[in-house]
Amino acid sequence: MARKSLIHREKKRQKLEQKYHLIRRSSKKEINKVPSLSDKWKIHGKLQSSPRNSAPTRLHRRCFSTGRPRANYRDFGLSGHILREMVHACLLPGATRSSW
């Protein structure tokens, strides 16, 4: 189980990313439209003035049940060992388990 402070930090990043999503997207579109370099630098400065944690690249997927940040499967939203336990318990339809 992940520490609660790390999970709350990740939720805070998600809220910031949603808040600044439109501002970031419109600034990036403006940079592509403006021909002069000085105007591009001004828009880029505006983009950099937004909080660092509002960037979508700083988000990290976590396991839905345990909060583990590594070895996550996108399709299920679970970490590897939880996924394996659920498959062996026949809780995930369509997933086959390996027995070798």
N, C-alpha and C. Protein backbone atom coordinates (compact mmCIF):
# COMPACT_ATOMS: atom_id res chain seq x y z
N MET A 1 0.84 -1.18 0.00
CA MET A 1 0.00 0.00 0.00
C MET A 1 0.89 1.24 0.00
N ALA A 2 0.59 2.15 -0.89
CA ALA A 2 1.37 3.38 -1.00
C ALA A 2 1.02 4.32 0.15
N ARG A 3 1.96 5.19 0.46
CA ARG A 3 1.70 6.17 1.52
C ARG A 3 0.59 7.10 1.08
N LYS A 4 -0.22 7.52 2.02
CA LYS A 4 -1.37 8.36 1.68
C LYS A 4 -0.93 9.73 1.18
N SER A 5 0.21 10.22 1.68
CA SER A 5 0.67 11.53 1.24
C SER A 5 1.02 11.52 -0.25
N LEU A 6 1.59 10.41 -0.73
CA LEU A 6 1.93 10.32 -2.15
C LEU A 6 0.69 10.25 -3.02
N ILE A 7 -0.32 9.54 -2.54
CA ILE A 7 -1.57 9.44 -3.29
C ILE A 7 -2.27 10.79 -3.36
N HIS A 8 -2.26 11.54 -2.24
CA HIS A 8 -2.89 12.86 -2.23
C HIS A 8 -2.12 13.85 -3.10
N ARG A 9 -0.79 13.70 -3.14
CA ARG A 9 0.01 14.55 -4.00
C ARG A 9 -0.33 14.31 -5.46
N GLU A 10 -0.55 13.05 -5.81
CA GLU A 10 -0.92 12.71 -7.19
C GLU A 10 -2.30 13.26 -7.53
N LYS A 11 -3.24 13.21 -6.59
CA LYS A 11 -4.57 13.78 -6.83
C LYS A 11 -4.50 15.29 -7.00
N LYS A 12 -3.62 15.93 -6.24
CA LYS A 12 -3.44 17.37 -6.36
C LYS A 12 -2.90 17.73 -7.74
N ARG A 13 -1.96 16.91 -8.24
CA ARG A 13 -1.43 17.13 -9.59
C ARG A 13 -2.51 16.97 -10.64
N GLN A 14 -3.40 16.01 -10.46
CA GLN A 14 -4.48 15.80 -11.42
C GLN A 14 -5.42 16.99 -11.46
N LYS A 15 -5.73 17.56 -10.28
CA LYS A 15 -6.60 18.73 -10.24
C LYS A 15 -5.94 19.92 -10.93
N LEU A 16 -4.65 20.12 -10.67
CA LEU A 16 -3.93 21.23 -11.30
C LEU A 16 -3.87 21.05 -12.82
N GLU A 17 -3.66 19.82 -13.26
CA GLU A 17 -3.58 19.56 -14.70
C GLU A 17 -4.92 19.86 -15.37
N GLN A 18 -6.02 19.50 -14.72
CA GLN A 18 -7.34 19.79 -15.28
C GLN A 18 -7.61 21.29 -15.29
N LYS A 19 -7.14 21.98 -14.27
CA LYS A 19 -7.38 23.41 -14.16
C LYS A 19 -6.64 24.19 -15.26
N TYR A 20 -5.41 23.82 -15.55
CA TYR A 20 -4.58 24.54 -16.50
C TYR A 20 -4.57 23.92 -17.90
N HIS A 21 -5.37 22.91 -18.13
CA HIS A 21 -5.35 22.20 -19.41
C HIS A 21 -5.68 23.11 -20.59
N LEU A 22 -6.74 23.87 -20.47
CA LEU A 22 -7.14 24.74 -21.58
C LEU A 22 -6.14 25.87 -21.81
N ILE A 23 -5.58 26.40 -20.73
CA ILE A 23 -4.61 27.49 -20.85
C ILE A 23 -3.36 26.99 -21.57
N ARG A 24 -2.89 25.81 -21.20
CA ARG A 24 -1.70 25.24 -21.82
C ARG A 24 -1.94 24.95 -23.31
N ARG A 25 -3.10 24.36 -23.59
CA ARG A 25 -3.40 23.99 -24.98
C ARG A 25 -3.52 25.23 -25.86
N SER A 26 -4.19 26.28 -25.36
CA SER A 26 -4.33 27.49 -26.18
C SER A 26 -2.98 28.18 -26.37
N SER A 27 -2.12 28.15 -25.36
CA SER A 27 -0.80 28.77 -25.49
C SER A 27 0.04 28.03 -26.53
N LYS A 28 -0.04 26.72 -26.54
CA LYS A 28 0.73 25.95 -27.52
C LYS A 28 0.23 26.19 -28.93
N LYS A 29 -1.08 26.36 -29.10
CA LYS A 29 -1.62 26.67 -30.42
C LYS A 29 -1.17 28.06 -30.88
N GLU A 30 -1.13 29.02 -29.94
CA GLU A 30 -0.68 30.37 -30.28
C GLU A 30 0.78 30.37 -30.72
N ILE A 31 1.61 29.58 -30.07
CA ILE A 31 3.03 29.51 -30.44
C ILE A 31 3.18 29.06 -31.88
N ASN A 32 2.37 28.11 -32.32
CA ASN A 32 2.45 27.62 -33.69
C ASN A 32 1.95 28.64 -34.71
N LYS A 33 1.03 29.51 -34.31
CA LYS A 33 0.45 30.48 -35.24
C LYS A 33 1.30 31.73 -35.41
N VAL A 34 1.99 32.15 -34.35
CA VAL A 34 2.73 33.41 -34.37
C VAL A 34 4.02 33.26 -35.18
N PRO A 35 4.27 34.16 -36.15
CA PRO A 35 5.48 34.02 -36.98
C PRO A 35 6.74 34.59 -36.34
N SER A 36 6.63 35.66 -35.53
CA SER A 36 7.84 36.31 -35.00
C SER A 36 8.37 35.58 -33.76
N LEU A 37 9.67 35.56 -33.64
CA LEU A 37 10.32 34.83 -32.56
C LEU A 37 10.12 35.51 -31.21
N SER A 38 10.10 36.83 -31.20
CA SER A 38 9.93 37.54 -29.93
C SER A 38 8.55 37.27 -29.32
N ASP A 39 7.53 37.19 -30.17
CA ASP A 39 6.19 36.87 -29.68
C ASP A 39 6.12 35.44 -29.16
N LYS A 40 6.85 34.55 -29.83
CA LYS A 40 6.89 33.16 -29.36
C LYS A 40 7.51 33.07 -27.97
N TRP A 41 8.56 33.87 -27.74
CA TRP A 41 9.21 33.85 -26.43
C TRP A 41 8.27 34.38 -25.34
N LYS A 42 7.47 35.39 -25.67
CA LYS A 42 6.51 35.93 -24.69
C LYS A 42 5.47 34.88 -24.32
N ILE A 43 4.95 34.19 -25.33
CA ILE A 43 3.94 33.15 -25.08
C ILE A 43 4.57 31.99 -24.32
N HIS A 44 5.81 31.67 -24.66
CA HIS A 44 6.51 30.59 -23.96
C HIS A 44 6.74 30.94 -22.49
N GLY A 45 7.03 32.22 -22.21
CA GLY A 45 7.18 32.67 -20.82
C GLY A 45 5.87 32.54 -20.05
N LYS A 46 4.77 32.85 -20.74
CA LYS A 46 3.45 32.69 -20.12
C LYS A 46 3.17 31.21 -19.81
N LEU A 47 3.60 30.35 -20.73
CA LEU A 47 3.42 28.90 -20.54
C LEU A 47 4.26 28.41 -19.37
N GLN A 48 5.47 28.94 -19.22
CA GLN A 48 6.34 28.52 -18.14
C GLN A 48 5.93 29.10 -16.79
N SER A 49 5.15 30.16 -16.80
CA SER A 49 4.72 30.76 -15.52
C SER A 49 3.64 29.94 -14.83
N SER A 50 3.03 29.02 -15.54
CA SER A 50 2.03 28.15 -14.90
C SER A 50 2.75 27.18 -13.96
N PRO A 51 2.06 26.62 -12.97
CA PRO A 51 2.72 25.73 -12.00
C PRO A 51 3.35 24.52 -12.66
N ARG A 52 4.42 24.08 -12.09
CA ARG A 52 5.16 22.94 -12.65
C ARG A 52 4.33 21.67 -12.61
N ASN A 53 3.56 21.49 -11.56
CA ASN A 53 2.76 20.27 -11.41
C ASN A 53 1.52 20.26 -12.29
N SER A 54 1.30 21.34 -13.04
CA SER A 54 0.14 21.34 -13.94
C SER A 54 0.46 20.71 -15.29
N ALA A 55 1.71 20.32 -15.50
CA ALA A 55 2.09 19.67 -16.76
C ALA A 55 1.61 18.23 -16.77
N PRO A 56 1.04 17.77 -17.88
CA PRO A 56 0.51 16.40 -17.92
C PRO A 56 1.60 15.33 -17.85
N THR A 57 2.84 15.69 -18.15
CA THR A 57 3.91 14.68 -18.09
C THR A 57 4.29 14.35 -16.66
N ARG A 58 3.88 15.15 -15.70
CA ARG A 58 4.22 14.88 -14.30
C ARG A 58 3.22 13.94 -13.63
N LEU A 59 2.15 13.60 -14.34
CA LEU A 59 1.17 12.66 -13.79
C LEU A 59 1.71 11.24 -13.88
N HIS A 60 1.28 10.41 -12.97
CA HIS A 60 1.74 9.03 -12.94
C HIS A 60 0.54 8.14 -12.64
N ARG A 61 0.41 7.06 -13.40
CA ARG A 61 -0.69 6.13 -13.14
C ARG A 61 -0.40 5.35 -11.87
N ARG A 62 -1.44 5.07 -11.11
CA ARG A 62 -1.30 4.28 -9.90
C ARG A 62 -2.32 3.16 -9.91
N CYS A 63 -2.02 2.11 -9.16
CA CYS A 63 -2.93 0.98 -9.03
C CYS A 63 -4.21 1.46 -8.35
N PHE A 64 -5.33 1.00 -8.85
CA PHE A 64 -6.62 1.43 -8.34
C PHE A 64 -6.84 0.96 -6.90
N SER A 65 -6.39 -0.24 -6.57
CA SER A 65 -6.67 -0.77 -5.24
C SER A 65 -5.57 -0.49 -4.23
N THR A 66 -4.30 -0.55 -4.64
CA THR A 66 -3.21 -0.39 -3.67
C THR A 66 -2.50 0.95 -3.76
N GLY A 67 -2.58 1.62 -4.90
CA GLY A 67 -1.88 2.88 -5.06
C GLY A 67 -0.44 2.72 -5.50
N ARG A 68 -0.05 1.51 -5.89
CA ARG A 68 1.33 1.25 -6.32
C ARG A 68 1.62 1.98 -7.63
N PRO A 69 2.76 2.71 -7.71
CA PRO A 69 3.03 3.51 -8.91
C PRO A 69 3.69 2.75 -10.05
N ARG A 70 4.19 1.55 -9.80
CA ARG A 70 4.92 0.83 -10.84
C ARG A 70 4.17 -0.42 -11.27
N ALA A 71 4.52 -0.92 -12.44
CA ALA A 71 3.99 -2.17 -12.99
C ALA A 71 2.47 -2.12 -13.09
N ASN A 72 1.95 -1.04 -13.68
CA ASN A 72 0.50 -0.91 -13.86
C ASN A 72 0.11 -1.31 -15.27
N TYR A 73 -1.04 -1.96 -15.36
CA TYR A 73 -1.61 -2.31 -16.66
C TYR A 73 -2.71 -1.30 -16.97
N ARG A 74 -2.59 -0.62 -18.10
CA ARG A 74 -3.55 0.42 -18.47
C ARG A 74 -4.96 -0.11 -18.64
N ASP A 75 -5.07 -1.30 -19.19
CA ASP A 75 -6.39 -1.86 -19.49
C ASP A 75 -7.21 -2.07 -18.22
N PHE A 76 -6.55 -2.46 -17.15
CA PHE A 76 -7.27 -2.80 -15.93
C PHE A 76 -7.10 -1.75 -14.83
N GLY A 77 -6.03 -0.96 -14.88
CA GLY A 77 -5.78 0.02 -13.83
C GLY A 77 -5.27 -0.63 -12.55
N LEU A 78 -4.67 -1.80 -12.68
CA LEU A 78 -4.18 -2.54 -11.53
C LEU A 78 -2.70 -2.84 -11.68
N SER A 79 -2.03 -3.05 -10.55
CA SER A 79 -0.64 -3.45 -10.61
C SER A 79 -0.55 -4.94 -10.90
N GLY A 80 0.64 -5.40 -11.22
CA GLY A 80 0.84 -6.77 -11.68
C GLY A 80 0.41 -7.83 -10.71
N HIS A 81 0.80 -7.70 -9.44
CA HIS A 81 0.47 -8.78 -8.51
C HIS A 81 -1.01 -8.79 -8.13
N ILE A 82 -1.65 -7.63 -8.08
CA ILE A 82 -3.10 -7.59 -7.82
C ILE A 82 -3.86 -8.16 -9.01
N LEU A 83 -3.39 -7.84 -10.22
CA LEU A 83 -4.01 -8.39 -11.42
C LEU A 83 -3.92 -9.91 -11.42
N ARG A 84 -2.76 -10.43 -11.07
CA ARG A 84 -2.58 -11.88 -11.03
C ARG A 84 -3.50 -12.54 -10.01
N GLU A 85 -3.62 -11.93 -8.83
CA GLU A 85 -4.51 -12.47 -7.80
C GLU A 85 -5.96 -12.47 -8.28
N MET A 86 -6.38 -11.39 -8.94
CA MET A 86 -7.76 -11.31 -9.40
C MET A 86 -8.05 -12.30 -10.52
N VAL A 87 -7.06 -12.52 -11.40
CA VAL A 87 -7.25 -13.49 -12.48
C VAL A 87 -7.36 -14.90 -11.90
N HIS A 88 -6.52 -15.21 -10.94
CA HIS A 88 -6.58 -16.55 -10.34
C HIS A 88 -7.86 -16.76 -9.54
N ALA A 89 -8.45 -15.68 -9.04
CA ALA A 89 -9.72 -15.79 -8.32
C ALA A 89 -10.91 -15.71 -9.27
N CYS A 90 -10.65 -15.64 -10.58
CA CYS A 90 -11.69 -15.55 -11.63
C CYS A 90 -12.57 -14.31 -11.47
N LEU A 91 -11.98 -13.20 -11.08
CA LEU A 91 -12.73 -11.95 -10.92
C LEU A 91 -12.67 -11.06 -12.15
N LEU A 92 -11.77 -11.38 -13.09
CA LEU A 92 -11.66 -10.61 -14.32
C LEU A 92 -12.09 -11.48 -15.50
N PRO A 93 -13.24 -11.19 -16.10
CA PRO A 93 -13.69 -12.01 -17.22
C PRO A 93 -12.83 -11.77 -18.46
N GLY A 94 -12.53 -12.82 -19.15
CA GLY A 94 -11.77 -12.73 -20.40
C GLY A 94 -10.28 -12.83 -20.23
N ALA A 95 -9.80 -12.75 -19.01
CA ALA A 95 -8.35 -12.87 -18.77
C ALA A 95 -8.02 -14.32 -18.48
N THR A 96 -6.99 -14.81 -19.14
CA THR A 96 -6.60 -16.20 -18.92
C THR A 96 -5.35 -16.24 -18.08
N ARG A 97 -5.25 -17.23 -17.24
CA ARG A 97 -4.09 -17.36 -16.38
C ARG A 97 -3.13 -18.38 -16.97
N SER A 98 -1.88 -18.17 -16.67
CA SER A 98 -0.89 -19.11 -17.18
C SER A 98 -0.57 -20.10 -16.07
N SER A 99 -0.37 -21.34 -16.47
CA SER A 99 0.02 -22.38 -15.51
C SER A 99 1.14 -23.18 -16.13
N TRP A 100 2.35 -22.89 -15.81
CA TRP A 100 3.49 -23.60 -16.35
C TRP A 100 4.44 -23.99 -15.28
